Amino acid sequence: MTKARRSTRQRETILRVLRSTKSHPTADWIYDQTRKYIPNISLGTVYRNLNVLREMGEIMELNYGPELSRYDGNPVNHYHFFCQSCGRVFDLELPVQTGLEEMVERESGHQVRGHRLEFYGICHDCLAQEKEAGQKRASRELKDWEEPTSGNPLNSAFDSRPNARH
């Protein structure tokens, strides 16, 4: 039997803040946003309430190692994409593959109560930035290559063009 928890103003505000964003924020971000409504709330209170909300099934905690957790205000099982470049987490609009749970049960003999599937890689924004940076770098390199060699006697001495004067 689960212990009934009384609703608190802090918990309700934290949940409202978390559900107001799709960004999968950290506890620090949630703390900063919650302080706009409850200026004297402590970071410890935010962490405690996030744990309670997770235990109640109101939110999801996405753990990315011992030092980084992000929180999701949508407790319904769904998939995520984690960008290894910028650290953002995106919801993926894919159907949950319940067949995986049945397959794991069949193959392992374990009782599966759910699963969490995440994809890792580089998000579309970071890919675009990398592509743009690569194009600028290539443009600079091409410009450097096409610079005229006249005016600098050292450049003309190393010029490999057939008609270059040495």
C-alpha atoms as a PDB file:
ATOM      1  CA  MET A   1       0.000   0.000   0.000  1.00  0.00           C
ATOM      2  CA  THR A   2       1.473   3.340  -0.991  1.00  0.00           C
ATOM      3  CA  LYS A   3       1.528   6.160   1.455  1.00  0.00           C
ATOM      4  CA  ALA A   4      -0.856   8.963   0.553  1.00  0.00           C
ATOM      5  CA  ARG A   5       0.970  12.232   0.160  1.00  0.00           C
ATOM      6  CA  ARG A   6      -0.548  15.554   0.901  1.00  0.00           C
ATOM      7  CA  SER A   7      -0.295  18.091  -1.870  1.00  0.00           C
ATOM      8  CA  THR A   8       1.920  21.057  -1.116  1.00  0.00           C
ATOM      9  CA  ARG A   9       2.242  24.452  -2.744  1.00  0.00           C
ATOM     10  CA  GLN A  10       5.921  23.767  -3.469  1.00  0.00           C
ATOM     11  CA  ARG A  11       5.197  20.431  -5.164  1.00  0.00           C
ATOM     12  CA  GLU A  12       2.347  21.860  -7.232  1.00  0.00           C
ATOM     13  CA  THR A  13       4.512  24.784  -8.371  1.00  0.00           C
ATOM     14  CA  ILE A  14       7.442  22.520  -9.271  1.00  0.00           C
ATOM     15  CA  LEU A  15       5.119  20.263 -11.277  1.00  0.00           C
ATOM     16  CA  ARG A  16       3.555  23.265 -13.045  1.00  0.00           C
ATOM     17  CA  VAL A  17       7.033  24.625 -13.913  1.00  0.00           C
ATOM     18  CA  LEU A  18       8.170  21.244 -15.225  1.00  0.00           C
ATOM     19  CA  ARG A  19       5.056  20.697 -17.308  1.00  0.00           C
ATOM     20  CA  SER A  20       5.357  24.177 -18.816  1.00  0.00           C
ATOM     21  CA  THR A  21       8.445  23.178 -20.813  1.00  0.00           C
ATOM     22  CA  LYS A  22       9.411  20.505 -23.313  1.00  0.00           C
ATOM     23  CA  SER A  23      13.132  21.013 -22.672  1.00  0.00           C
ATOM     24  CA  HIS A  24      13.723  18.201 -20.115  1.00  0.00           C
ATOM     25  CA  PRO A  25      15.393  20.562 -17.634  1.00  0.00           C
ATOM     26  CA  THR A  26      17.842  19.942 -14.826  1.00  0.00           C
ATOM     27  CA  ALA A  27      16.900  20.386 -11.166  1.00  0.00           C
ATOM     28  CA  ASP A  28      18.885  23.657 -11.137  1.00  0.00           C
ATOM     29  CA  TRP A  29      16.764  25.066 -13.979  1.00  0.00           C
ATOM     30  CA  ILE A  30      13.571  23.966 -12.234  1.00  0.00           C
ATOM     31  CA  TYR A  31      14.841  25.588  -9.027  1.00  0.00           C
ATOM     32  CA  ASP A  32      15.569  28.889 -10.829  1.00  0.00           C
ATOM     33  CA  GLN A  33      12.112  28.919 -12.442  1.00  0.00           C
ATOM     34  CA  THR A  34      10.304  27.925  -9.235  1.00  0.00           C
ATOM     35  CA  ARG A  35      11.996  30.763  -7.332  1.00  0.00           C
ATOM     36  CA  LYS A  36      10.042  33.193  -9.520  1.00  0.00           C
ATOM     37  CA  TYR A  37       6.883  31.978  -7.735  1.00  0.00           C
ATOM     38  CA  ILE A  38       8.351  30.940  -4.371  1.00  0.00           C
ATOM     39  CA  PRO A  39      11.450  33.102  -3.803  1.00  0.00           C
ATOM     40  CA  ASN A  40      12.521  31.422  -0.560  1.00  0.00           C
ATOM     41  CA  ILE A  41      12.363  27.791  -1.776  1.00  0.00           C
ATOM     42  CA  SER A  42      15.614  25.873  -1.330  1.00  0.00           C
ATOM     43  CA  LEU A  43      17.355  23.652  -3.862  1.00  0.00           C
ATOM     44  CA  GLY A  44      17.013  20.770  -1.393  1.00  0.00           C
ATOM     45  CA  THR A  45      13.228  21.229  -1.325  1.00  0.00           C
ATOM     46  CA  VAL A  46      13.167  21.109  -5.130  1.00  0.00           C
ATOM     47  CA  TYR A  47      15.198  17.867  -5.176  1.00  0.00           C
ATOM     48  CA  ARG A  48      13.005  16.267  -2.485  1.00  0.00           C
ATOM     49  CA  ASN A  49       9.826  17.194  -4.341  1.00  0.00           C
ATOM     50  CA  LEU A  50      11.196  15.967  -7.666  1.00  0.00           C
ATOM     51  CA  ASN A  51      11.886  12.612  -5.997  1.00  0.00           C
ATOM     52  CA  VAL A  52       8.365  12.515  -4.535  1.00  0.00           C
ATOM     53  CA  LEU A  53       6.824  13.415  -7.911  1.00  0.00           C
ATOM     54  CA  ARG A  54       8.882  10.678  -9.568  1.00  0.00           C
ATOM     55  CA  GLU A  55       7.796   8.120  -6.945  1.00  0.00           C
ATOM     56  CA  MET A  56       4.171   9.180  -7.434  1.00  0.00           C
ATOM     57  CA  GLY A  57       4.516   8.602 -11.198  1.00  0.00           C
ATOM     58  CA  GLU A  58       3.822  12.259 -12.009  1.00  0.00           C
ATOM     59  CA  ILE A  59       7.176  12.851 -13.753  1.00  0.00           C
ATOM     60  CA  MET A  60      10.089  10.919 -15.237  1.00  0.00           C
ATOM     61  CA  GLU A  61      13.702  11.267 -14.218  1.00  0.00           C
ATOM     62  CA  LEU A  62      16.131  10.790 -17.089  1.00  0.00           C
ATOM     63  CA  ASN A  63      19.456   9.857 -15.542  1.00  0.00           C
ATOM     64  CA  TYR A  64      22.554  10.523 -17.643  1.00  0.00           C
ATOM     65  CA  GLY A  65      25.238   9.450 -15.198  1.00  0.00           C
ATOM     66  CA  PRO A  66      25.905  10.200 -11.555  1.00  0.00           C
ATOM     67  CA  GLU A  67      26.112  13.949 -12.043  1.00  0.00           C
ATOM     68  CA  LEU A  68      23.310  14.686 -14.500  1.00  0.00           C
ATOM     69  CA  SER A  69      19.608  14.064 -14.328  1.00  0.00           C
ATOM     70  CA  ARG A  70      16.958  15.724 -16.404  1.00  0.00           C
ATOM     71  CA  TYR A  71      13.255  15.716 -15.694  1.00  0.00           C
ATOM     72  CA  ASP A  72      10.265  15.169 -17.932  1.00  0.00           C
ATOM     73  CA  GLY A  73       6.803  16.401 -16.990  1.00  0.00           C
ATOM     74  CA  ASN A  74       5.231  13.770 -19.253  1.00  0.00           C
ATOM     75  CA  PRO A  75       5.123  10.522 -17.236  1.00  0.00           C
ATOM     76  CA  VAL A  76       3.718   8.430 -20.100  1.00  0.00           C
ATOM     77  CA  ASN A  77       6.372   6.108 -21.520  1.00  0.00           C
ATOM     78  CA  HIS A  78       7.913   7.601 -24.657  1.00  0.00           C
ATOM     79  CA  TYR A  79      11.309   7.690 -26.331  1.00  0.00           C
ATOM     80  CA  HIS A  80      13.998  10.344 -26.177  1.00  0.00           C
ATOM     81  CA  PHE A  81      16.936  11.543 -28.248  1.00  0.00           C
ATOM     82  CA  PHE A  82      19.975  12.861 -26.304  1.00  0.00           C
ATOM     83  CA  CYS A  83      22.298  15.205 -28.223  1.00  0.00           C
ATOM     84  CA  GLN A  84      25.888  14.422 -27.295  1.00  0.00           C
ATOM     85  CA  SER A  85      27.001  17.812 -28.570  1.00  0.00           C
ATOM     86  CA  CYS A  86      24.686  20.305 -26.832  1.00  0.00           C
ATOM     87  CA  GLY A  87      23.156  18.067 -24.156  1.00  0.00           C
ATOM     88  CA  ARG A  88      19.532  18.732 -25.090  1.00  0.00           C
ATOM     89  CA  VAL A  89      16.938  15.985 -24.823  1.00  0.00           C
ATOM     90  CA  PHE A  90      14.125  15.680 -27.356  1.00  0.00           C
ATOM     91  CA  ASP A  91      10.869  13.709 -27.183  1.00  0.00           C
ATOM     92  CA  LEU A  92      10.460  11.332 -30.108  1.00  0.00           C
ATOM     93  CA  GLU A  93       6.977  10.826 -31.483  1.00  0.00           C
ATOM     94  CA  LEU A  94       7.317   7.081 -32.013  1.00  0.00           C
ATOM     95  CA  PRO A  95       4.987   4.334 -30.818  1.00  0.00           C
ATOM     96  CA  VAL A  96       6.294   2.490 -27.749  1.00  0.00           C
ATOM     97  CA  GLN A  97       7.417  -0.977 -28.803  1.00  0.00           C
ATOM     98  CA  THR A  98       5.685  -3.237 -26.275  1.00  0.00           C
ATOM     99  CA  GLY A  99       6.830  -6.235 -28.307  1.00  0.00           C
ATOM    100  CA  LEU A 100      10.313  -5.632 -26.882  1.00  0.00           C
ATOM    101  CA  GLU A 101       9.034  -6.273 -23.366  1.00  0.00           C
ATOM    102  CA  GLU A 102       7.435  -9.564 -24.407  1.00  0.00           C
ATOM    103  CA  MET A 103      10.581 -10.626 -26.250  1.00  0.00           C
ATOM    104  CA  VAL A 104      12.778  -9.900 -23.208  1.00  0.00           C
ATOM    105  CA  GLU A 105      10.406 -11.853 -20.960  1.00  0.00           C
ATOM    106  CA  ARG A 106      10.378 -14.786 -23.371  1.00  0.00           C
ATOM    107  CA  GLU A 107      14.159 -14.826 -23.859  1.00  0.00           C
ATOM    108  CA  SER A 108      15.221 -14.116 -20.268  1.00  0.00           C
ATOM    109  CA  GLY A 109      12.441 -15.435 -18.038  1.00  0.00           C
ATOM    110  CA  HIS A 110      12.336 -12.044 -16.255  1.00  0.00           C
ATOM    111  CA  GLN A 111       9.112 -10.187 -15.585  1.00  0.00           C
ATOM    112  CA  VAL A 112       9.326  -6.869 -17.452  1.00  0.00           C
ATOM    113  CA  ARG A 113       7.281  -4.006 -16.059  1.00  0.00           C
ATOM    114  CA  GLY A 114       8.347  -1.426 -18.602  1.00  0.00           C
ATOM    115  CA  HIS A 115      11.307  -0.150 -20.539  1.00  0.00           C
ATOM    116  CA  ARG A 116      13.053   3.085 -21.368  1.00  0.00           C
ATOM    117  CA  LEU A 117      14.676   3.536 -24.754  1.00  0.00           C
ATOM    118  CA  GLU A 118      16.882   6.477 -25.640  1.00  0.00           C
ATOM    119  CA  PHE A 119      18.797   7.377 -28.735  1.00  0.00           C
ATOM    120  CA  TYR A 120      22.119   9.209 -28.659  1.00  0.00           C
ATOM    121  CA  GLY A 121      23.782  11.261 -31.351  1.00  0.00           C
ATOM    122  CA  ILE A 122      23.955  14.784 -32.755  1.00  0.00           C
ATOM    123  CA  CYS A 123      20.750  16.828 -33.045  1.00  0.00           C
ATOM    124  CA  HIS A 124      19.684  18.597 -36.232  1.00  0.00           C
ATOM    125  CA  ASP A 125      20.664  22.053 -34.858  1.00  0.00           C
ATOM    126  CA  CYS A 126      24.189  20.924 -33.964  1.00  0.00           C
ATOM    127  CA  LEU A 127      24.556  19.164 -37.318  1.00  0.00           C
ATOM    128  CA  ALA A 128      23.607  22.404 -39.087  1.00  0.00           C
ATOM    129  CA  GLN A 129      26.128  24.357 -36.990  1.00  0.00           C
ATOM    130  CA  GLU A 130      28.848  21.788 -37.728  1.00  0.00           C
ATOM    131  CA  LYS A 131      28.036  21.912 -41.447  1.00  0.00           C
ATOM    132  CA  GLU A 132      28.127  25.724 -41.443  1.00  0.00           C
ATOM    133  CA  ALA A 133      31.413  25.758 -39.521  1.00  0.00           C
ATOM    134  CA  GLY A 134      32.866  23.210 -41.967  1.00  0.00           C
ATOM    135  CA  GLN A 135      31.782  25.291 -44.950  1.00  0.00           C
ATOM    136  CA  LYS A 136      33.352  28.437 -43.459  1.00  0.00           C
ATOM    137  CA  ARG A 137      36.561  26.539 -42.717  1.00  0.00           C
ATOM    138  CA  ALA A 138      36.658  25.130 -46.263  1.00  0.00           C
ATOM    139  CA  SER A 139      36.007  28.596 -47.694  1.00  0.00           C
ATOM    140  CA  ARG A 140      38.889  30.077 -45.643  1.00  0.00           C
ATOM    141  CA  GLU A 141      41.209  27.263 -46.711  1.00  0.00           C
ATOM    142  CA  LEU A 142      40.264  27.781 -50.370  1.00  0.00           C
ATOM    143  CA  LYS A 143      40.830  31.522 -50.033  1.00  0.00           C
ATOM    144  CA  ASP A 144      44.246  30.909 -48.467  1.00  0.00           C
ATOM    145  CA  TRP A 145      45.116  28.543 -51.324  1.00  0.00           C
ATOM    146  CA  GLU A 146      44.056  31.048 -53.987  1.00  0.00           C
ATOM    147  CA  GLU A 147      45.962  34.003 -52.488  1.00  0.00           C
ATOM    148  CA  PRO A 148      48.405  35.427 -55.055  1.00  0.00           C
ATOM    149  CA  THR A 149      52.011  34.559 -54.406  1.00  0.00           C
ATOM    150  CA  SER A 150      53.490  37.715 -55.942  1.00  0.00           C
ATOM    151  CA  GLY A 151      54.853  40.224 -53.544  1.00  0.00           C
ATOM    152  CA  ASN A 152      56.428  37.624 -51.295  1.00  0.00           C
ATOM    153  CA  PRO A 153      59.681  36.231 -52.724  1.00  0.00           C
ATOM    154  CA  LEU A 154      59.483  33.174 -50.473  1.00  0.00           C
ATOM    155  CA  ASN A 155      56.100  32.183 -51.891  1.00  0.00           C
ATOM    156  CA  SER A 156      57.285  32.339 -55.496  1.00  0.00           C
ATOM    157  CA  ALA A 157      60.300  30.181 -54.679  1.00  0.00           C
ATOM    158  CA  PHE A 158      57.982  27.394 -53.540  1.00  0.00           C
ATOM    159  CA  ASP A 159      55.312  27.861 -56.187  1.00  0.00           C
ATOM    160  CA  SER A 160      54.712  24.534 -57.949  1.00  0.00           C
ATOM    161  CA  ARG A 161      52.875  25.972 -60.971  1.00  0.00           C
ATOM    162  CA  PRO A 162      54.624  25.079 -64.276  1.00  0.00           C
ATOM    163  CA  ASN A 163      55.214  28.673 -65.403  1.00  0.00           C
ATOM    164  CA  ALA A 164      56.218  30.081 -62.046  1.00  0.00           C
ATOM    165  CA  ARG A 165      59.425  32.104 -62.040  1.00  0.00           C
ATOM    166  CA  HIS A 166      62.101  30.807 -59.685  1.00  0.00           C
END
